Amino acid sequence: MYGLIIFLHILVCVILVVVVLFQQPQKGGVTTVLGGSESIFGGGGAAPLMAKITSVLAALFMITSISLVLISAKRVASRTRAPVQTETQTPETPQETPQSEGGGP
């Protein structure tokens, strides 16, 4: 699921960049280099259509971004809540060295 949302997010990002580049600024843009937009999108131009496409893609971008944040937070939380398997070590008692009985040398 996480990989699918990342793929969708990257796809939306690339398409959003392309759509923004094709929008016609005041003095022309990429569409004027490619022959204009009136013949493709009708007499009104591409401005209303491109604005709608940009709005939809921006909404999808926000939705995928929020989804990725929520899924990542759940993944991190599940990793930190997992019980850690540690060996229970009992403190070792120091072994007493036997004292020699008897006299000295």
N, C-alpha and C. Protein backbone atom coordinates (compact mmCIF):
# COMPACT_ATOMS: atom_id res chain seq x y z
N MET A 1 0.82 -1.19 0.00
CA MET A 1 0.00 0.00 0.00
C MET A 1 0.87 1.25 0.00
N TYR A 2 1.93 1.24 0.81
CA TYR A 2 2.83 2.37 0.91
C TYR A 2 3.51 2.64 -0.43
N GLY A 3 3.97 1.59 -1.08
CA GLY A 3 4.62 1.74 -2.38
C GLY A 3 3.69 2.26 -3.45
N LEU A 4 2.44 1.83 -3.41
CA LEU A 4 1.45 2.30 -4.38
C LEU A 4 1.19 3.80 -4.21
N ILE A 5 1.09 4.25 -2.98
CA ILE A 5 0.84 5.67 -2.74
C ILE A 5 2.06 6.49 -3.13
N ILE A 6 3.26 5.98 -2.89
CA ILE A 6 4.46 6.70 -3.33
C ILE A 6 4.49 6.81 -4.85
N PHE A 7 4.17 5.72 -5.53
CA PHE A 7 4.12 5.75 -7.01
C PHE A 7 3.10 6.78 -7.48
N LEU A 8 1.90 6.77 -6.90
CA LEU A 8 0.85 7.71 -7.28
C LEU A 8 1.28 9.15 -6.99
N HIS A 9 1.95 9.35 -5.87
CA HIS A 9 2.42 10.68 -5.48
C HIS A 9 3.44 11.21 -6.49
N ILE A 10 4.39 10.38 -6.88
CA ILE A 10 5.39 10.80 -7.85
C ILE A 10 4.75 11.07 -9.21
N LEU A 11 3.81 10.23 -9.60
CA LEU A 11 3.10 10.43 -10.87
C LEU A 11 2.33 11.75 -10.87
N VAL A 12 1.64 12.04 -9.78
CA VAL A 12 0.89 13.30 -9.67
C VAL A 12 1.86 14.48 -9.72
N CYS A 13 3.01 14.36 -9.06
CA CYS A 13 4.00 15.44 -9.08
C CYS A 13 4.48 15.74 -10.49
N VAL A 14 4.82 14.70 -11.24
CA VAL A 14 5.32 14.89 -12.60
C VAL A 14 4.24 15.50 -13.49
N ILE A 15 3.03 15.00 -13.41
CA ILE A 15 1.94 15.53 -14.23
C ILE A 15 1.63 16.97 -13.84
N LEU A 16 1.69 17.28 -12.55
CA LEU A 16 1.43 18.64 -12.09
C LEU A 16 2.48 19.62 -12.63
N VAL A 17 3.72 19.21 -12.64
CA VAL A 17 4.78 20.06 -13.20
C VAL A 17 4.53 20.31 -14.68
N VAL A 18 4.18 19.26 -15.42
CA VAL A 18 3.94 19.41 -16.86
C VAL A 18 2.75 20.32 -17.12
N VAL A 19 1.69 20.15 -16.35
CA VAL A 19 0.49 20.98 -16.55
C VAL A 19 0.80 22.44 -16.24
N VAL A 20 1.56 22.69 -15.19
CA VAL A 20 1.90 24.07 -14.85
C VAL A 20 2.77 24.68 -15.93
N LEU A 21 3.69 23.90 -16.50
CA LEU A 21 4.52 24.43 -17.57
C LEU A 21 3.72 24.72 -18.84
N PHE A 22 2.65 23.99 -19.07
CA PHE A 22 1.84 24.22 -20.26
C PHE A 22 0.83 25.34 -20.10
N GLN A 23 0.67 25.85 -18.89
CA GLN A 23 -0.25 26.96 -18.72
C GLN A 23 0.32 28.20 -19.39
N GLN A 24 -0.56 28.99 -19.94
CA GLN A 24 -0.13 30.14 -20.72
C GLN A 24 -0.02 31.37 -19.81
N PRO A 25 1.21 31.86 -19.65
CA PRO A 25 1.35 33.11 -18.90
C PRO A 25 0.92 34.29 -19.76
N GLN A 26 1.10 35.50 -19.29
CA GLN A 26 0.63 36.68 -20.01
C GLN A 26 1.32 36.85 -21.36
N LYS A 27 2.58 36.53 -21.45
CA LYS A 27 3.33 36.75 -22.68
C LYS A 27 3.55 35.47 -23.48
N GLY A 28 2.88 34.41 -23.17
CA GLY A 28 3.06 33.15 -23.88
C GLY A 28 3.80 32.16 -22.99
N GLY A 29 3.97 30.97 -23.46
CA GLY A 29 4.64 29.95 -22.68
C GLY A 29 5.04 28.80 -23.56
N VAL A 30 5.07 27.64 -23.00
CA VAL A 30 5.45 26.45 -23.75
C VAL A 30 4.41 26.16 -24.83
N THR A 31 3.16 26.50 -24.58
CA THR A 31 2.12 26.22 -25.58
C THR A 31 2.32 27.04 -26.85
N THR A 32 2.89 28.25 -26.73
CA THR A 32 3.14 29.04 -27.94
C THR A 32 4.27 28.44 -28.75
N VAL A 33 5.21 27.79 -28.11
CA VAL A 33 6.30 27.14 -28.83
C VAL A 33 5.77 25.95 -29.61
N LEU A 34 4.80 25.24 -29.04
CA LEU A 34 4.26 24.05 -29.67
C LEU A 34 3.11 24.34 -30.62
N GLY A 35 2.85 25.60 -30.91
CA GLY A 35 1.85 25.92 -31.92
C GLY A 35 0.57 26.50 -31.36
N GLY A 36 0.51 26.86 -30.13
CA GLY A 36 -0.68 27.48 -29.57
C GLY A 36 -1.67 26.44 -29.07
N SER A 37 -2.63 26.93 -28.31
CA SER A 37 -3.59 26.01 -27.70
C SER A 37 -4.99 26.16 -28.27
N GLU A 38 -5.22 27.17 -29.09
CA GLU A 38 -6.57 27.40 -29.59
C GLU A 38 -7.07 26.26 -30.45
N SER A 39 -6.19 25.66 -31.23
CA SER A 39 -6.64 24.59 -32.11
C SER A 39 -6.91 23.30 -31.35
N ILE A 40 -6.24 23.10 -30.24
CA ILE A 40 -6.43 21.86 -29.48
C ILE A 40 -7.62 21.96 -28.54
N PHE A 41 -7.70 23.08 -27.81
CA PHE A 41 -8.70 23.20 -26.76
C PHE A 41 -9.91 24.04 -27.15
N GLY A 42 -10.00 24.47 -28.37
CA GLY A 42 -11.13 25.27 -28.81
C GLY A 42 -10.79 26.75 -28.82
N GLY A 43 -11.79 27.57 -29.13
CA GLY A 43 -11.57 29.00 -29.25
C GLY A 43 -11.27 29.70 -27.94
N GLY A 44 -11.73 29.17 -26.84
CA GLY A 44 -11.51 29.81 -25.54
C GLY A 44 -10.11 29.61 -25.00
N GLY A 45 -9.36 28.75 -25.62
CA GLY A 45 -8.01 28.49 -25.13
C GLY A 45 -8.02 27.41 -24.06
N ALA A 46 -6.83 27.20 -23.53
CA ALA A 46 -6.67 26.12 -22.55
C ALA A 46 -6.74 26.60 -21.11
N ALA A 47 -6.90 27.90 -20.91
CA ALA A 47 -6.83 28.44 -19.55
C ALA A 47 -7.84 27.82 -18.58
N PRO A 48 -9.14 27.76 -18.92
CA PRO A 48 -10.07 27.18 -17.95
C PRO A 48 -9.83 25.69 -17.71
N LEU A 49 -9.51 24.96 -18.77
CA LEU A 49 -9.27 23.53 -18.62
C LEU A 49 -8.00 23.27 -17.81
N MET A 50 -6.95 24.01 -18.11
CA MET A 50 -5.70 23.83 -17.38
C MET A 50 -5.84 24.22 -15.91
N ALA A 51 -6.63 25.23 -15.64
CA ALA A 51 -6.86 25.64 -14.25
C ALA A 51 -7.58 24.54 -13.48
N LYS A 52 -8.55 23.91 -14.12
CA LYS A 52 -9.28 22.81 -13.46
C LYS A 52 -8.37 21.60 -13.24
N ILE A 53 -7.56 21.29 -14.27
CA ILE A 53 -6.65 20.16 -14.13
C ILE A 53 -5.64 20.43 -13.01
N THR A 54 -5.14 21.66 -12.95
CA THR A 54 -4.19 22.03 -11.90
C THR A 54 -4.81 21.91 -10.52
N SER A 55 -6.05 22.34 -10.40
CA SER A 55 -6.75 22.24 -9.11
C SER A 55 -6.92 20.79 -8.67
N VAL A 56 -7.32 19.94 -9.60
CA VAL A 56 -7.52 18.52 -9.27
C VAL A 56 -6.18 17.88 -8.89
N LEU A 57 -5.14 18.18 -9.66
CA LEU A 57 -3.84 17.60 -9.36
C LEU A 57 -3.29 18.11 -8.03
N ALA A 58 -3.53 19.38 -7.72
CA ALA A 58 -3.09 19.93 -6.44
C ALA A 58 -3.81 19.24 -5.28
N ALA A 59 -5.09 18.99 -5.45
CA ALA A 59 -5.84 18.28 -4.41
C ALA A 59 -5.32 16.85 -4.24
N LEU A 60 -5.05 16.17 -5.36
CA LEU A 60 -4.48 14.81 -5.28
C LEU A 60 -3.11 14.82 -4.63
N PHE A 61 -2.32 15.84 -4.92
CA PHE A 61 -1.00 15.97 -4.31
C PHE A 61 -1.12 16.10 -2.79
N MET A 62 -2.05 16.92 -2.33
CA MET A 62 -2.24 17.09 -0.89
C MET A 62 -2.75 15.80 -0.24
N ILE A 63 -3.66 15.12 -0.91
CA ILE A 63 -4.21 13.88 -0.35
C ILE A 63 -3.13 12.81 -0.25
N THR A 64 -2.32 12.67 -1.30
CA THR A 64 -1.26 11.66 -1.23
C THR A 64 -0.20 12.04 -0.21
N SER A 65 0.08 13.32 -0.08
CA SER A 65 1.06 13.76 0.93
C SER A 65 0.59 13.44 2.33
N ILE A 66 -0.66 13.76 2.62
CA ILE A 66 -1.20 13.48 3.96
C ILE A 66 -1.27 11.97 4.20
N SER A 67 -1.63 11.21 3.18
CA SER A 67 -1.68 9.76 3.32
C SER A 67 -0.30 9.18 3.63
N LEU A 68 0.72 9.68 2.96
CA LEU A 68 2.08 9.21 3.21
C LEU A 68 2.53 9.54 4.63
N VAL A 69 2.17 10.71 5.11
CA VAL A 69 2.53 11.09 6.48
C VAL A 69 1.85 10.17 7.49
N LEU A 70 0.56 9.92 7.29
CA LEU A 70 -0.17 9.08 8.24
C LEU A 70 0.33 7.63 8.22
N ILE A 71 0.60 7.11 7.03
CA ILE A 71 1.10 5.74 6.94
C ILE A 71 2.50 5.64 7.55
N SER A 72 3.33 6.64 7.30
CA SER A 72 4.68 6.62 7.87
C SER A 72 4.62 6.69 9.39
N ALA A 73 3.73 7.49 9.92
CA ALA A 73 3.60 7.60 11.37
C ALA A 73 3.15 6.26 11.98
N LYS A 74 2.23 5.58 11.31
CA LYS A 74 1.79 4.27 11.80
C LYS A 74 2.92 3.25 11.75
N ARG A 75 3.72 3.32 10.68
CA ARG A 75 4.83 2.36 10.56
C ARG A 75 5.87 2.59 11.65
N VAL A 76 6.17 3.84 11.94
CA VAL A 76 7.15 4.14 12.99
C VAL A 76 6.59 3.76 14.35
N ALA A 77 5.32 4.03 14.57
CA ALA A 77 4.71 3.70 15.86
C ALA A 77 4.68 2.19 16.08
N SER A 78 4.42 1.43 15.02
CA SER A 78 4.38 -0.02 15.18
C SER A 78 5.77 -0.58 15.44
N ARG A 79 6.79 0.06 14.93
CA ARG A 79 8.15 -0.41 15.18
C ARG A 79 8.59 -0.10 16.61
N THR A 80 8.17 1.03 17.14
CA THR A 80 8.60 1.38 18.49
C THR A 80 7.79 0.65 19.54
N ARG A 81 6.59 0.24 19.23
CA ARG A 81 5.77 -0.48 20.20
C ARG A 81 6.06 -1.97 20.24
N ALA A 82 6.78 -2.48 19.29
CA ALA A 82 7.06 -3.91 19.26
C ALA A 82 7.91 -4.28 20.47
N PRO A 83 7.54 -5.36 21.12
CA PRO A 83 8.31 -5.74 22.30
C PRO A 83 9.73 -6.15 21.90
N VAL A 84 10.66 -5.67 22.65
CA VAL A 84 12.05 -5.95 22.37
C VAL A 84 12.43 -7.22 23.11
N GLN A 85 12.93 -8.18 22.40
CA GLN A 85 13.33 -9.45 22.98
C GLN A 85 14.76 -9.30 23.52
N THR A 86 14.88 -9.23 24.81
CA THR A 86 16.20 -9.16 25.42
C THR A 86 16.36 -10.33 26.37
N GLU A 87 17.56 -10.74 26.50
CA GLU A 87 17.83 -11.83 27.44
C GLU A 87 17.83 -11.25 28.84
N THR A 88 17.18 -11.98 29.71
CA THR A 88 17.20 -11.54 31.09
C THR A 88 18.45 -12.12 31.73
N GLN A 89 19.30 -11.25 32.14
CA GLN A 89 20.55 -11.69 32.73
C GLN A 89 20.46 -11.55 34.24
N THR A 90 20.85 -12.60 34.90
CA THR A 90 20.90 -12.54 36.35
C THR A 90 22.29 -12.05 36.73
N PRO A 91 22.34 -11.21 37.69
CA PRO A 91 23.66 -10.73 38.09
C PRO A 91 24.50 -11.88 38.63
N GLU A 92 25.67 -11.95 38.12
CA GLU A 92 26.55 -13.03 38.55
C GLU A 92 27.11 -12.70 39.93
N THR A 93 27.07 -13.71 40.79
CA THR A 93 27.64 -13.52 42.12
C THR A 93 29.13 -13.79 42.03
N PRO A 94 29.90 -12.95 42.61
CA PRO A 94 31.33 -13.19 42.53
C PRO A 94 31.69 -14.46 43.29
N GLN A 95 32.51 -15.25 42.67
CA GLN A 95 32.91 -16.50 43.32
C GLN A 95 33.97 -16.18 44.37
N GLU A 96 33.74 -16.81 45.48
CA GLU A 96 34.69 -16.57 46.57
C GLU A 96 35.91 -17.44 46.35
N THR A 97 37.02 -16.85 46.54
CA THR A 97 38.25 -17.63 46.45
C THR A 97 38.49 -18.30 47.77
N PRO A 98 38.79 -19.59 47.71
CA PRO A 98 38.99 -20.29 48.97
C PRO A 98 40.23 -19.76 49.70
N GLN A 99 40.04 -19.55 50.96
CA GLN A 99 41.14 -19.08 51.81
C GLN A 99 41.89 -20.31 52.30
N SER A 100 43.13 -20.29 52.21
CA SER A 100 43.88 -21.43 52.72
C SER A 100 43.93 -21.37 54.23
N GLU A 101 43.66 -22.52 54.79
CA GLU A 101 43.67 -22.58 56.24
C GLU A 101 45.06 -23.01 56.69
N GLY A 102 45.34 -22.59 57.73
CA GLY A 102 46.63 -23.00 58.25
C GLY A 102 47.56 -21.82 58.36
N GLY A 103 48.68 -22.17 58.76
CA GLY A 103 49.66 -21.13 59.03
C GLY A 103 50.29 -20.61 57.76
N GLY A 104 51.21 -19.84 58.05
CA GLY A 104 51.88 -19.19 56.96
C GLY A 104 52.96 -20.08 56.40
N PRO A 105 53.87 -19.56 55.81
CA PRO A 105 54.91 -20.35 55.15
C PRO A 105 55.88 -21.02 56.05
